[in-house]
Structure formats: C-alpha cells, structure tokens
Amino acid sequence: MVWLEKGPEHPLPVFDRLDAFKLFLMDTGLLKHMVGIDNSAILLKADYQFKGALTENYVLQQLKGQFSVEPRYYSTSREEIDFIVQHGMETVPIEVKAGADKSAASFKNYIKKYNLCGTSIKKRISKRWYNYQYSALSGRKTSGIFRLVA
C-alpha cells in the first residue's frame, strides 16, 4: 500500500492522506498471472496499456526497503507523481514511464510548483533510463534502475 501525500514536505508520514492510497502487488509475475497477461503482449505490443501498471509495480519492488520511510505518491485533479521517497531531509519525486516517451507534464509541473529546479533531487524512470543516468548526489554517471539516489 502506498499512501497519498499532500505535498513534498519532510517528514513524509506526517503529511499522509489516510483516506487515499494505491494498492500494489509486490510480485509482478504473480500480478501478470492473476490478470491473465501473456509475456508476448507486454514484449510485442508497444502500446499495451497495462505495461505502465506493471512497470510501477516493478519500480516499487526496487524502492521498498531502500529508504527509512516507505514510498508515497502525489496526486491532484490535474497531475500525479508516481512515487515520492524521503532521502535524509530531501523528498525525491520519481516519475515512472513504461516506454521511451520523454514527455512527463505532471513531473515537470510538480518540479516547477515546488521549486525543485537546481540542486534538489528528482528522477524520471523510463525505458530510455536503463542505459545511463546522472546521479545528482554522487556527481557521476550510474547504470541501472536501482541507483535512484546514491
């Protein structure tokens, strides 16, 4: 279960909205089986809609246990940030995209709204992201999805 956040405030648990949450299944293989998805549908259909939900489940699996505070999400009537994690005194927005699409209007709006341009940490994960990303904390390139914050 991932709780809805009112905003990127520290500490995250204080600003949980207890009336709203998302449920995730922590085993993507079991999730695929439960909803009857065949691997070929995911691999061969670029526009397969459920691919986004599977990708979010996978990313959450990787985030769980890496931080002292469990991931949250943020949503308004116009935008949604897939996950927010707490790293020290920073709150880190994470946008997850199943494809190579680089557009992320909600993510960009959130960064502007909360003035996260500049030195704050923010991550967008997409199919393109698997090659290399620049680590905002360490100042060096890192590979792999699991190095969200170093």
Protein backbone atom coordinates (compact mmCIF):
# COMPACT_ATOMS: atom_id res chain seq x y z
CA MET A 1 0.00 0.00 0.00
CA VAL A 2 1.30 3.45 -0.95
CA TRP A 3 -0.22 6.48 0.77
CA LEU A 4 -1.16 9.74 -0.94
CA GLU A 5 0.93 12.75 0.09
CA LYS A 6 -0.40 16.28 0.47
CA GLY A 7 2.90 17.68 -0.82
CA PRO A 8 6.68 17.20 -0.70
CA GLU A 9 7.06 18.03 2.98
CA HIS A 10 9.51 16.47 5.39
CA PRO A 11 8.86 14.11 7.15
CA LEU A 12 6.59 12.35 4.66
CA PRO A 13 4.46 10.28 7.10
CA VAL A 14 3.17 13.42 8.83
CA PHE A 15 1.53 14.57 5.58
CA ASP A 16 -0.16 11.29 4.57
CA ARG A 17 -3.76 11.47 3.47
CA LEU A 18 -5.14 8.40 5.18
CA ASP A 19 -8.29 8.41 3.02
CA ALA A 20 -6.39 7.73 -0.22
CA PHE A 21 -3.87 5.07 -1.21
CA LYS A 22 -2.79 2.80 -4.07
CA LEU A 23 -2.52 -0.95 -3.74
CA PHE A 24 0.36 -2.79 -5.37
CA LEU A 25 1.18 -6.47 -5.62
CA MET A 26 4.84 -6.97 -4.79
CA ASP A 27 5.32 -9.85 -7.22
CA THR A 28 4.96 -8.77 -10.85
CA GLY A 29 4.94 -12.38 -12.05
CA LEU A 30 2.01 -13.18 -9.78
CA LEU A 31 0.28 -9.96 -10.88
CA LYS A 32 0.67 -10.95 -14.55
CA HIS A 33 -0.78 -14.39 -13.81
CA MET A 34 -3.71 -13.01 -11.78
CA VAL A 35 -4.82 -10.69 -14.60
CA GLY A 36 -4.06 -13.19 -17.36
CA ILE A 37 -1.30 -11.35 -19.20
CA ASP A 38 0.90 -13.21 -21.64
CA ASN A 39 4.56 -12.16 -21.96
CA SER A 40 4.17 -11.66 -25.70
CA ALA A 41 1.53 -8.96 -25.10
CA ILE A 42 3.99 -6.98 -23.00
CA LEU A 43 7.02 -7.52 -25.20
CA LEU A 44 5.45 -7.20 -28.63
CA LYS A 45 2.78 -4.53 -28.19
CA ALA A 46 4.34 -1.09 -27.79
CA ASP A 47 1.01 0.49 -26.84
CA TYR A 48 -0.06 -2.16 -24.31
CA GLN A 49 -1.87 -0.18 -21.59
CA PHE A 50 -1.18 -2.45 -18.62
CA LYS A 51 2.58 -2.10 -19.17
CA GLY A 52 2.52 1.10 -17.09
CA ALA A 53 0.99 -0.63 -14.07
CA LEU A 54 3.49 -3.48 -14.31
CA THR A 55 6.38 -1.02 -14.54
CA GLU A 56 5.16 0.90 -11.47
CA ASN A 57 4.87 -2.37 -9.54
CA TYR A 58 8.40 -3.33 -10.54
CA VAL A 59 9.86 0.06 -9.56
CA LEU A 60 8.07 -0.06 -6.19
CA GLN A 61 9.57 -3.51 -5.57
CA GLN A 62 13.02 -1.97 -6.02
CA LEU A 63 12.27 1.07 -3.84
CA LYS A 64 10.89 -0.89 -0.89
CA GLY A 65 13.45 -1.30 1.85
CA GLN A 66 15.95 1.20 0.39
CA PHE A 67 14.65 4.10 2.46
CA SER A 68 13.78 4.50 6.13
CA VAL A 69 10.33 5.81 5.13
CA GLU A 70 8.17 3.84 2.68
CA PRO A 71 7.45 5.47 -0.71
CA ARG A 72 4.38 7.67 -1.14
CA TYR A 73 2.66 9.15 -4.20
CA TYR A 74 1.24 12.58 -5.02
CA SER A 75 -1.91 13.36 -6.96
CA THR A 76 -4.20 16.28 -7.71
CA SER A 77 -7.06 16.59 -10.19
CA ARG A 78 -4.52 17.54 -12.89
CA GLU A 79 -1.28 15.72 -12.10
CA GLU A 80 0.24 12.68 -10.48
CA ILE A 81 3.74 11.77 -9.33
CA ASP A 82 4.16 8.01 -9.19
CA PHE A 83 6.37 7.91 -6.09
CA ILE A 84 7.88 10.26 -3.55
CA VAL A 85 10.67 8.96 -1.33
CA GLN A 86 12.40 10.53 1.61
CA HIS A 87 16.19 10.62 1.46
CA GLY A 88 17.58 12.34 4.52
CA MET A 89 15.97 15.77 4.61
CA GLU A 90 15.08 15.66 0.90
CA THR A 91 11.84 14.44 -0.64
CA VAL A 92 12.51 12.92 -4.06
CA PRO A 93 9.80 12.74 -6.75
CA ILE A 94 10.03 9.73 -9.06
CA GLU A 95 8.13 9.54 -12.34
CA VAL A 96 7.81 6.09 -13.95
CA LYS A 97 7.21 5.62 -17.68
CA ALA A 98 6.83 2.17 -19.26
CA GLY A 99 8.03 3.30 -22.68
CA ALA A 100 10.67 5.55 -24.13
CA ASP A 101 8.34 8.57 -24.07
CA LYS A 102 10.18 11.54 -22.59
CA SER A 103 7.11 13.71 -22.01
CA ALA A 104 6.18 13.96 -18.37
CA ALA A 105 3.98 17.05 -17.98
CA SER A 106 2.92 16.20 -14.41
CA PHE A 107 6.53 15.67 -13.38
CA LYS A 108 7.65 18.97 -14.91
CA ASN A 109 4.73 20.84 -13.33
CA TYR A 110 5.47 19.32 -9.92
CA ILE A 111 9.12 20.36 -10.14
CA LYS A 112 8.12 23.93 -11.02
CA LYS A 113 5.33 24.06 -8.43
CA TYR A 114 7.58 23.01 -5.57
CA ASN A 115 10.65 24.84 -6.88
CA LEU A 116 12.74 21.67 -7.29
CA CYS A 117 14.82 23.05 -10.15
CA GLY A 118 18.50 23.37 -9.37
CA THR A 119 20.06 21.26 -6.65
CA SER A 120 17.11 19.17 -5.47
CA ILE A 121 16.98 15.52 -6.45
CA LYS A 122 14.35 14.30 -8.88
CA LYS A 123 14.18 11.18 -11.06
CA ARG A 124 12.24 10.12 -14.13
CA ILE A 125 12.46 6.43 -14.96
CA SER A 126 11.62 5.27 -18.46
CA LYS A 127 12.73 2.66 -20.95
CA ARG A 128 15.41 5.12 -22.07
CA TRP A 129 16.60 5.43 -18.46
CA TYR A 130 18.09 1.96 -18.33
CA ASN A 131 21.19 2.99 -20.27
CA TYR A 132 22.76 5.65 -18.05
CA GLN A 133 21.62 8.37 -15.73
CA TYR A 134 23.48 11.09 -13.95
CA SER A 135 23.44 10.72 -10.17
CA ALA A 136 22.54 14.07 -8.63
CA LEU A 137 24.13 13.12 -5.32
CA SER A 138 27.39 11.49 -6.33
CA GLY A 139 28.08 13.64 -9.40
CA ARG A 140 28.91 10.63 -11.58
CA LYS A 141 27.09 8.54 -14.16
CA THR A 142 25.49 5.39 -12.82
CA SER A 143 23.87 2.50 -14.60
CA GLY A 144 20.79 0.56 -13.67
CA ILE A 145 17.40 1.38 -12.25
CA PHE A 146 18.39 0.68 -8.65
CA ARG A 147 20.69 3.67 -8.21
CA LEU A 148 17.95 6.24 -7.79
CA VAL A 149 19.81 8.04 -5.05
CA ALA A 150 23.39 7.18 -4.22
